[in-house]
Amino acid sequence: MTVTGRTKVSYPTVTYDLAGEYDSAASAFIPKTSGVYAITASVNYIKNLETQQNEVNPFIIITVNGSAVDGEDDFRINPAGRSRSEITQVSDNLFLNAGDRVEVEFFPDGFQSATGRILPSLGTYFTAARVPSPAKRKDM
C-alpha cells in the first residue's frame, strides 16, 4: 500500500477472530463486550529511495470512534542513496464500550512530505484481546 499522507491502515488478513469482532473489509475492530482490551498495532514502512541522506519520522495512532487515543513515532535517519524498512508499533490497554470502533492511522513522516509503502509482512499487524475485567468502568 502506497502512502503519501495520513492514511488508514488496512489489515486484510485475519489469522483468527474468536468473537467475530474484527471487520477485515473495513479494517476495524468493534468489540461486542465492554471491558479493558490490550491493543497492539504495527506497520512495516519503507520510504521511497532518496538520493541524499534524509530523516524520516513515521507516526502510528490508534483511534477510537475517530478520536486519537494513543500514538508512537519512530525517528530514524536513512543513509544517502539507501532506503530501508522499519517497524513502528503502538500498544495500549484501553477501556472500550461494546460497539466502539477501533482503527489505526499512519503518517509516513511528521516532519516533511514523504512517499513510501506499508509492506504486507509479518511486521504489519493488528491485535486486540479483552483482558479479564469488569464489564462496567469503575472511575477512581
N, C-alpha and C. Protein backbone atom coordinates (compact mmCIF):
# COMPACT_ATOMS: atom_id res chain seq x y z
N MET A 1 0.85 -1.17 0.00
CA MET A 1 0.00 0.00 0.00
C MET A 1 0.89 1.24 0.00
N THR A 2 0.73 2.11 -0.98
CA THR A 2 1.48 3.35 -1.06
C THR A 2 0.83 4.40 -0.17
N VAL A 3 1.65 5.14 0.57
CA VAL A 3 1.14 6.20 1.44
C VAL A 3 1.90 7.48 1.18
N THR A 4 1.17 8.60 1.17
CA THR A 4 1.80 9.90 0.99
C THR A 4 1.40 10.88 2.09
N GLY A 5 0.40 10.57 2.85
CA GLY A 5 -0.07 11.43 3.93
C GLY A 5 -0.81 10.56 4.94
N ARG A 6 -1.62 11.21 5.74
CA ARG A 6 -2.39 10.47 6.75
C ARG A 6 -3.23 9.40 6.07
N THR A 7 -3.05 8.15 6.51
CA THR A 7 -3.67 7.01 5.84
C THR A 7 -4.24 6.04 6.87
N LYS A 8 -5.44 5.56 6.63
CA LYS A 8 -5.99 4.49 7.45
C LYS A 8 -5.29 3.20 7.04
N VAL A 9 -4.79 2.45 8.03
CA VAL A 9 -4.06 1.23 7.74
C VAL A 9 -5.03 0.08 7.49
N SER A 10 -4.76 -0.67 6.46
CA SER A 10 -5.56 -1.84 6.12
C SER A 10 -4.85 -3.09 6.62
N TYR A 11 -5.58 -3.89 7.38
CA TYR A 11 -5.08 -5.18 7.86
C TYR A 11 -6.04 -6.24 7.32
N PRO A 12 -5.92 -6.64 6.05
CA PRO A 12 -6.92 -7.51 5.43
C PRO A 12 -6.83 -8.98 5.81
N THR A 13 -5.67 -9.44 6.29
CA THR A 13 -5.52 -10.85 6.62
C THR A 13 -5.86 -11.09 8.08
N VAL A 14 -6.80 -11.99 8.33
CA VAL A 14 -7.20 -12.32 9.69
C VAL A 14 -6.68 -13.71 10.02
N THR A 15 -5.85 -13.79 11.07
CA THR A 15 -5.32 -15.08 11.49
C THR A 15 -6.37 -15.82 12.30
N TYR A 16 -6.97 -15.15 13.26
CA TYR A 16 -8.10 -15.69 14.00
C TYR A 16 -8.89 -14.55 14.61
N ASP A 17 -10.16 -14.79 14.80
CA ASP A 17 -11.07 -13.79 15.37
C ASP A 17 -12.10 -14.57 16.18
N LEU A 18 -11.78 -14.79 17.45
CA LEU A 18 -12.58 -15.69 18.28
C LEU A 18 -14.03 -15.25 18.47
N ALA A 19 -14.27 -13.96 18.54
CA ALA A 19 -15.64 -13.48 18.82
C ALA A 19 -16.27 -12.76 17.64
N GLY A 20 -15.64 -12.80 16.45
CA GLY A 20 -16.20 -12.13 15.29
C GLY A 20 -16.28 -10.63 15.46
N GLU A 21 -15.22 -10.02 16.03
CA GLU A 21 -15.24 -8.59 16.33
C GLU A 21 -14.39 -7.75 15.36
N TYR A 22 -13.70 -8.40 14.43
CA TYR A 22 -12.86 -7.66 13.50
C TYR A 22 -13.47 -7.68 12.11
N ASP A 23 -13.68 -6.50 11.55
CA ASP A 23 -14.22 -6.35 10.20
C ASP A 23 -13.04 -6.13 9.26
N SER A 24 -12.59 -7.19 8.56
CA SER A 24 -11.41 -7.08 7.71
C SER A 24 -11.65 -6.19 6.49
N ALA A 25 -12.86 -6.12 6.00
CA ALA A 25 -13.16 -5.26 4.85
C ALA A 25 -12.97 -3.78 5.21
N ALA A 26 -13.33 -3.42 6.44
CA ALA A 26 -13.20 -2.03 6.90
C ALA A 26 -11.96 -1.82 7.76
N SER A 27 -11.22 -2.87 8.05
CA SER A 27 -10.07 -2.81 8.96
C SER A 27 -10.43 -2.09 10.25
N ALA A 28 -11.47 -2.59 10.90
CA ALA A 28 -11.93 -2.00 12.16
C ALA A 28 -12.25 -3.10 13.16
N PHE A 29 -11.84 -2.87 14.40
CA PHE A 29 -12.16 -3.77 15.50
C PHE A 29 -13.33 -3.16 16.25
N ILE A 30 -14.40 -3.94 16.41
CA ILE A 30 -15.61 -3.45 17.08
C ILE A 30 -15.97 -4.47 18.16
N PRO A 31 -15.61 -4.19 19.43
CA PRO A 31 -15.87 -5.16 20.50
C PRO A 31 -17.36 -5.35 20.75
N LYS A 32 -17.71 -6.58 21.07
CA LYS A 32 -19.10 -6.90 21.41
C LYS A 32 -19.36 -6.75 22.91
N THR A 33 -18.28 -6.75 23.69
CA THR A 33 -18.39 -6.67 25.14
C THR A 33 -17.56 -5.51 25.66
N SER A 34 -18.12 -4.72 26.57
CA SER A 34 -17.35 -3.65 27.20
C SER A 34 -16.29 -4.24 28.11
N GLY A 35 -15.15 -3.56 28.21
CA GLY A 35 -14.09 -4.01 29.10
C GLY A 35 -12.75 -3.43 28.70
N VAL A 36 -11.70 -3.91 29.35
CA VAL A 36 -10.34 -3.48 29.06
C VAL A 36 -9.77 -4.39 27.98
N TYR A 37 -9.20 -3.76 26.95
CA TYR A 37 -8.62 -4.50 25.82
C TYR A 37 -7.15 -4.13 25.66
N ALA A 38 -6.33 -5.14 25.41
CA ALA A 38 -4.93 -4.93 25.07
C ALA A 38 -4.87 -4.81 23.54
N ILE A 39 -4.44 -3.65 23.06
CA ILE A 39 -4.41 -3.36 21.62
C ILE A 39 -2.96 -3.14 21.20
N THR A 40 -2.56 -3.75 20.10
CA THR A 40 -1.25 -3.50 19.50
C THR A 40 -1.43 -3.34 18.00
N ALA A 41 -0.83 -2.29 17.46
CA ALA A 41 -0.86 -2.05 16.02
C ALA A 41 0.57 -1.80 15.57
N SER A 42 0.91 -2.34 14.40
CA SER A 42 2.26 -2.25 13.90
C SER A 42 2.24 -2.05 12.38
N VAL A 43 3.22 -1.29 11.89
CA VAL A 43 3.35 -1.05 10.46
C VAL A 43 4.82 -1.20 10.07
N ASN A 44 5.08 -1.98 9.04
CA ASN A 44 6.41 -2.07 8.45
C ASN A 44 6.40 -1.14 7.25
N TYR A 45 7.15 -0.04 7.34
CA TYR A 45 7.10 1.04 6.36
C TYR A 45 8.47 1.23 5.71
N ILE A 46 8.46 1.49 4.42
CA ILE A 46 9.70 1.82 3.71
C ILE A 46 9.47 3.10 2.92
N LYS A 47 10.35 4.07 3.15
CA LYS A 47 10.29 5.33 2.41
C LYS A 47 10.91 5.10 1.04
N ASN A 48 10.37 5.76 0.02
CA ASN A 48 10.95 5.63 -1.32
C ASN A 48 12.40 6.07 -1.32
N LEU A 49 13.18 5.44 -2.16
CA LEU A 49 14.62 5.71 -2.24
C LEU A 49 14.88 7.18 -2.51
N GLU A 50 15.75 7.75 -1.71
CA GLU A 50 16.15 9.15 -1.88
C GLU A 50 17.62 9.19 -2.30
N THR A 51 18.06 10.27 -2.91
CA THR A 51 19.44 10.37 -3.39
C THR A 51 20.38 10.96 -2.36
N GLN A 52 19.86 11.47 -1.25
CA GLN A 52 20.72 12.01 -0.22
C GLN A 52 20.22 11.55 1.15
N GLN A 53 21.07 11.72 2.15
CA GLN A 53 20.67 11.33 3.49
C GLN A 53 19.40 12.08 3.87
N ASN A 54 18.49 11.37 4.52
CA ASN A 54 17.23 12.01 4.87
C ASN A 54 16.71 11.47 6.19
N GLU A 55 15.96 12.33 6.85
CA GLU A 55 15.32 11.93 8.10
C GLU A 55 13.91 11.47 7.79
N VAL A 56 13.41 10.57 8.59
CA VAL A 56 12.03 10.13 8.44
C VAL A 56 11.47 9.90 9.84
N ASN A 57 10.23 10.26 10.04
CA ASN A 57 9.62 10.17 11.35
C ASN A 57 8.20 9.59 11.21
N PRO A 58 8.08 8.30 10.90
CA PRO A 58 6.74 7.71 10.76
C PRO A 58 6.00 7.72 12.08
N PHE A 59 4.68 7.87 12.01
CA PHE A 59 3.83 8.01 13.19
C PHE A 59 2.60 7.14 13.03
N ILE A 60 2.31 6.31 14.03
CA ILE A 60 1.15 5.42 14.00
C ILE A 60 0.24 5.77 15.18
N ILE A 61 -1.07 5.80 14.93
CA ILE A 61 -2.00 6.11 16.02
C ILE A 61 -3.16 5.12 16.04
N ILE A 62 -3.66 4.89 17.25
CA ILE A 62 -4.88 4.12 17.45
C ILE A 62 -6.00 5.13 17.65
N THR A 63 -7.10 4.94 16.92
CA THR A 63 -8.27 5.80 17.12
C THR A 63 -9.44 4.98 17.64
N VAL A 64 -10.25 5.61 18.47
CA VAL A 64 -11.49 5.00 18.95
C VAL A 64 -12.61 5.96 18.58
N ASN A 65 -13.52 5.49 17.77
CA ASN A 65 -14.64 6.31 17.29
C ASN A 65 -14.13 7.60 16.63
N GLY A 66 -13.02 7.50 15.91
CA GLY A 66 -12.49 8.63 15.16
C GLY A 66 -11.56 9.54 15.93
N SER A 67 -11.38 9.33 17.23
CA SER A 67 -10.50 10.18 18.03
C SER A 67 -9.22 9.44 18.39
N ALA A 68 -8.10 10.12 18.23
CA ALA A 68 -6.81 9.51 18.58
C ALA A 68 -6.74 9.28 20.08
N VAL A 69 -6.31 8.08 20.47
CA VAL A 69 -6.18 7.76 21.90
C VAL A 69 -4.74 7.41 22.28
N ASP A 70 -3.91 7.02 21.32
CA ASP A 70 -2.51 6.73 21.59
C ASP A 70 -1.74 6.73 20.28
N GLY A 71 -0.46 7.02 20.37
CA GLY A 71 0.37 7.04 19.17
C GLY A 71 1.83 6.85 19.50
N GLU A 72 2.59 6.56 18.48
CA GLU A 72 4.03 6.35 18.65
C GLU A 72 4.72 6.75 17.36
N ASP A 73 5.88 7.40 17.51
CA ASP A 73 6.67 7.73 16.33
C ASP A 73 8.01 7.01 16.41
N ASP A 74 8.72 6.98 15.29
CA ASP A 74 9.96 6.22 15.19
C ASP A 74 10.95 7.00 14.34
N PHE A 75 11.62 7.97 14.96
CA PHE A 75 12.57 8.80 14.23
C PHE A 75 13.77 7.97 13.79
N ARG A 76 14.19 8.16 12.54
CA ARG A 76 15.39 7.47 12.03
C ARG A 76 16.02 8.29 10.91
N ILE A 77 17.25 8.00 10.63
CA ILE A 77 17.96 8.64 9.52
C ILE A 77 18.34 7.55 8.52
N ASN A 78 17.96 7.75 7.28
CA ASN A 78 18.34 6.83 6.21
C ASN A 78 19.63 7.34 5.56
N PRO A 79 20.64 6.48 5.41
CA PRO A 79 21.88 6.91 4.75
C PRO A 79 21.62 7.33 3.30
N ALA A 80 22.51 8.13 2.76
CA ALA A 80 22.37 8.62 1.39
C ALA A 80 22.21 7.46 0.41
N GLY A 81 21.22 7.59 -0.47
CA GLY A 81 21.01 6.61 -1.53
C GLY A 81 20.44 5.28 -1.08
N ARG A 82 20.06 5.15 0.19
CA ARG A 82 19.52 3.88 0.68
C ARG A 82 18.17 4.12 1.35
N SER A 83 17.35 3.16 1.24
CA SER A 83 16.06 3.21 1.91
C SER A 83 15.84 1.84 2.55
N ARG A 84 15.43 1.83 3.79
CA ARG A 84 15.22 0.56 4.47
C ARG A 84 13.88 0.59 5.18
N SER A 85 13.30 -0.57 5.33
CA SER A 85 12.03 -0.64 6.04
C SER A 85 12.30 -0.80 7.53
N GLU A 86 11.39 -0.25 8.32
CA GLU A 86 11.45 -0.41 9.76
C GLU A 86 10.03 -0.47 10.28
N ILE A 87 9.90 -1.02 11.46
CA ILE A 87 8.59 -1.23 12.05
C ILE A 87 8.32 -0.16 13.09
N THR A 88 7.14 0.44 13.01
CA THR A 88 6.65 1.38 14.01
C THR A 88 5.45 0.73 14.68
N GLN A 89 5.43 0.72 16.01
CA GLN A 89 4.40 -0.02 16.76
C GLN A 89 3.86 0.82 17.91
N VAL A 90 2.59 0.63 18.20
CA VAL A 90 1.96 1.26 19.35
C VAL A 90 1.14 0.20 20.09
N SER A 91 1.20 0.24 21.41
CA SER A 91 0.43 -0.71 22.25
C SER A 91 -0.20 0.06 23.40
N ASP A 92 -1.40 -0.36 23.79
CA ASP A 92 -2.06 0.27 24.93
C ASP A 92 -3.12 -0.66 25.46
N ASN A 93 -3.48 -0.45 26.72
CA ASN A 93 -4.65 -1.10 27.32
C ASN A 93 -5.73 -0.04 27.39
N LEU A 94 -6.85 -0.29 26.74
CA LEU A 94 -7.92 0.70 26.64
C LEU A 94 -9.23 0.15 27.15
N PHE A 95 -9.99 0.97 27.86
CA PHE A 95 -11.35 0.59 28.20
C PHE A 95 -12.21 0.92 26.99
N LEU A 96 -12.87 -0.10 26.45
CA LEU A 96 -13.74 0.08 25.29
C LEU A 96 -15.16 -0.32 25.66
N ASN A 97 -16.10 0.41 25.11
CA ASN A 97 -17.51 0.05 25.25
C ASN A 97 -17.90 -0.85 24.08
N ALA A 98 -18.87 -1.70 24.30
CA ALA A 98 -19.39 -2.53 23.21
C ALA A 98 -19.81 -1.59 22.08
N GLY A 99 -19.38 -1.91 20.86
CA GLY A 99 -19.75 -1.10 19.70
C GLY A 99 -18.77 0.00 19.35
N ASP A 100 -17.76 0.26 20.21
CA ASP A 100 -16.74 1.24 19.85
C ASP A 100 -16.02 0.76 18.58
N ARG A 101 -15.53 1.70 17.81
CA ARG A 101 -14.84 1.38 16.56
C ARG A 101 -13.36 1.74 16.70
N VAL A 102 -12.48 0.71 16.69
CA VAL A 102 -11.04 0.91 16.84
C VAL A 102 -10.40 0.75 15.47
N GLU A 103 -9.64 1.79 15.06
CA GLU A 103 -8.95 1.77 13.78
C GLU A 103 -7.53 2.29 13.98
N VAL A 104 -6.71 2.12 12.95
CA VAL A 104 -5.31 2.54 13.01
C VAL A 104 -5.04 3.47 11.84
N GLU A 105 -4.35 4.58 12.13
CA GLU A 105 -3.93 5.51 11.09
C GLU A 105 -2.42 5.64 11.13
N PHE A 106 -1.85 6.01 9.98
CA PHE A 106 -0.40 6.10 9.84
C PHE A 106 -0.04 7.36 9.07
N PHE A 107 0.99 8.06 9.55
CA PHE A 107 1.57 9.20 8.86
C PHE A 107 2.97 8.79 8.44
N PRO A 108 3.32 8.84 7.16
CA PRO A 108 4.65 8.41 6.75
C PRO A 108 5.76 9.28 7.32
N ASP A 109 5.49 10.56 7.58
CA ASP A 109 6.52 11.42 8.12
C ASP A 109 5.88 12.64 8.75
N GLY A 110 6.18 12.86 10.01
CA GLY A 110 5.61 14.00 10.72
C GLY A 110 6.29 15.32 10.40
N PHE A 111 7.49 15.27 9.79
CA PHE A 111 8.25 16.49 9.54
C PHE A 111 8.14 17.02 8.12
N GLN A 112 7.95 16.14 7.16
CA GLN A 112 8.00 16.56 5.77
C GLN A 112 7.09 15.69 4.93
N SER A 113 6.93 16.10 3.70
CA SER A 113 6.16 15.30 2.76
C SER A 113 7.00 14.08 2.40
N ALA A 114 6.44 12.91 2.54
CA ALA A 114 7.17 11.68 2.24
C ALA A 114 6.24 10.72 1.52
N THR A 115 6.82 9.93 0.66
CA THR A 115 6.08 8.90 -0.03
C THR A 115 6.79 7.58 0.23
N GLY A 116 6.01 6.57 0.52
CA GLY A 116 6.59 5.26 0.76
C GLY A 116 5.51 4.19 0.70
N ARG A 117 5.83 3.02 1.24
CA ARG A 117 4.89 1.91 1.18
C ARG A 117 4.81 1.22 2.54
N ILE A 118 3.60 0.80 2.88
CA ILE A 118 3.40 -0.10 4.00
C ILE A 118 3.54 -1.50 3.42
N LEU A 119 4.46 -2.26 3.97
CA LEU A 119 4.75 -3.59 3.45
C LEU A 119 3.85 -4.64 4.10
N PRO A 120 3.23 -5.50 3.29
CA PRO A 120 2.39 -6.57 3.84
C PRO A 120 3.28 -7.71 4.33
N SER A 121 3.81 -7.56 5.52
CA SER A 121 4.76 -8.53 6.05
C SER A 121 4.39 -8.87 7.48
N LEU A 122 5.21 -9.69 8.10
CA LEU A 122 4.99 -10.04 9.50
C LEU A 122 5.06 -8.82 10.41
N GLY A 123 5.69 -7.75 9.97
CA GLY A 123 5.81 -6.54 10.77
C GLY A 123 4.61 -5.62 10.70
N THR A 124 3.64 -5.94 9.85
CA THR A 124 2.42 -5.14 9.73
C THR A 124 1.26 -5.98 10.27
N TYR A 125 0.81 -5.64 11.49
CA TYR A 125 -0.25 -6.45 12.10
C TYR A 125 -1.03 -5.65 13.13
N PHE A 126 -2.19 -6.18 13.49
CA PHE A 126 -3.07 -5.61 14.50
C PHE A 126 -3.55 -6.73 15.41
N THR A 127 -3.52 -6.50 16.72
CA THR A 127 -4.07 -7.48 17.66
C THR A 127 -4.93 -6.76 18.69
N ALA A 128 -5.95 -7.46 19.13
CA ALA A 128 -6.80 -6.95 20.20
C ALA A 128 -7.30 -8.14 21.00
N ALA A 129 -7.24 -8.02 22.32
CA ALA A 129 -7.72 -9.09 23.19
C ALA A 129 -8.30 -8.48 24.45
N ARG A 130 -9.45 -8.98 24.86
CA ARG A 130 -10.06 -8.47 26.09
C ARG A 130 -9.34 -9.08 27.28
N VAL A 131 -8.96 -8.21 28.20
CA VAL A 131 -8.32 -8.62 29.43
C VAL A 131 -9.44 -8.90 30.44
N PRO A 132 -9.37 -9.99 31.18
CA PRO A 132 -10.44 -10.21 32.17
C PRO A 132 -10.63 -8.96 33.02
N SER A 133 -11.82 -8.40 32.93
CA SER A 133 -12.12 -7.14 33.60
C SER A 133 -13.62 -7.00 33.76
N PRO A 134 -14.04 -6.11 34.64
CA PRO A 134 -15.48 -5.89 34.78
C PRO A 134 -16.07 -5.27 33.52
N ALA A 135 -17.31 -5.55 33.25
CA ALA A 135 -17.98 -5.02 32.07
C ALA A 135 -18.28 -3.53 32.21
N LYS A 136 -18.30 -3.02 33.43
CA LYS A 136 -18.57 -1.59 33.65
C LYS A 136 -17.33 -0.93 34.21
N ARG A 137 -17.11 0.29 33.80
CA ARG A 137 -15.97 1.04 34.25
C ARG A 137 -16.22 1.60 35.64
N LYS A 138 -15.24 1.44 36.51
CA LYS A 138 -15.32 1.99 37.85
C LYS A 138 -14.33 3.14 37.92
N ASP A 139 -14.85 4.35 37.92
CA ASP A 139 -13.97 5.53 37.97
C ASP A 139 -13.37 5.66 39.36
N MET A 140 -12.16 6.20 39.38
CA MET A 140 -11.44 6.36 40.65
C MET A 140 -12.00 7.47 41.48
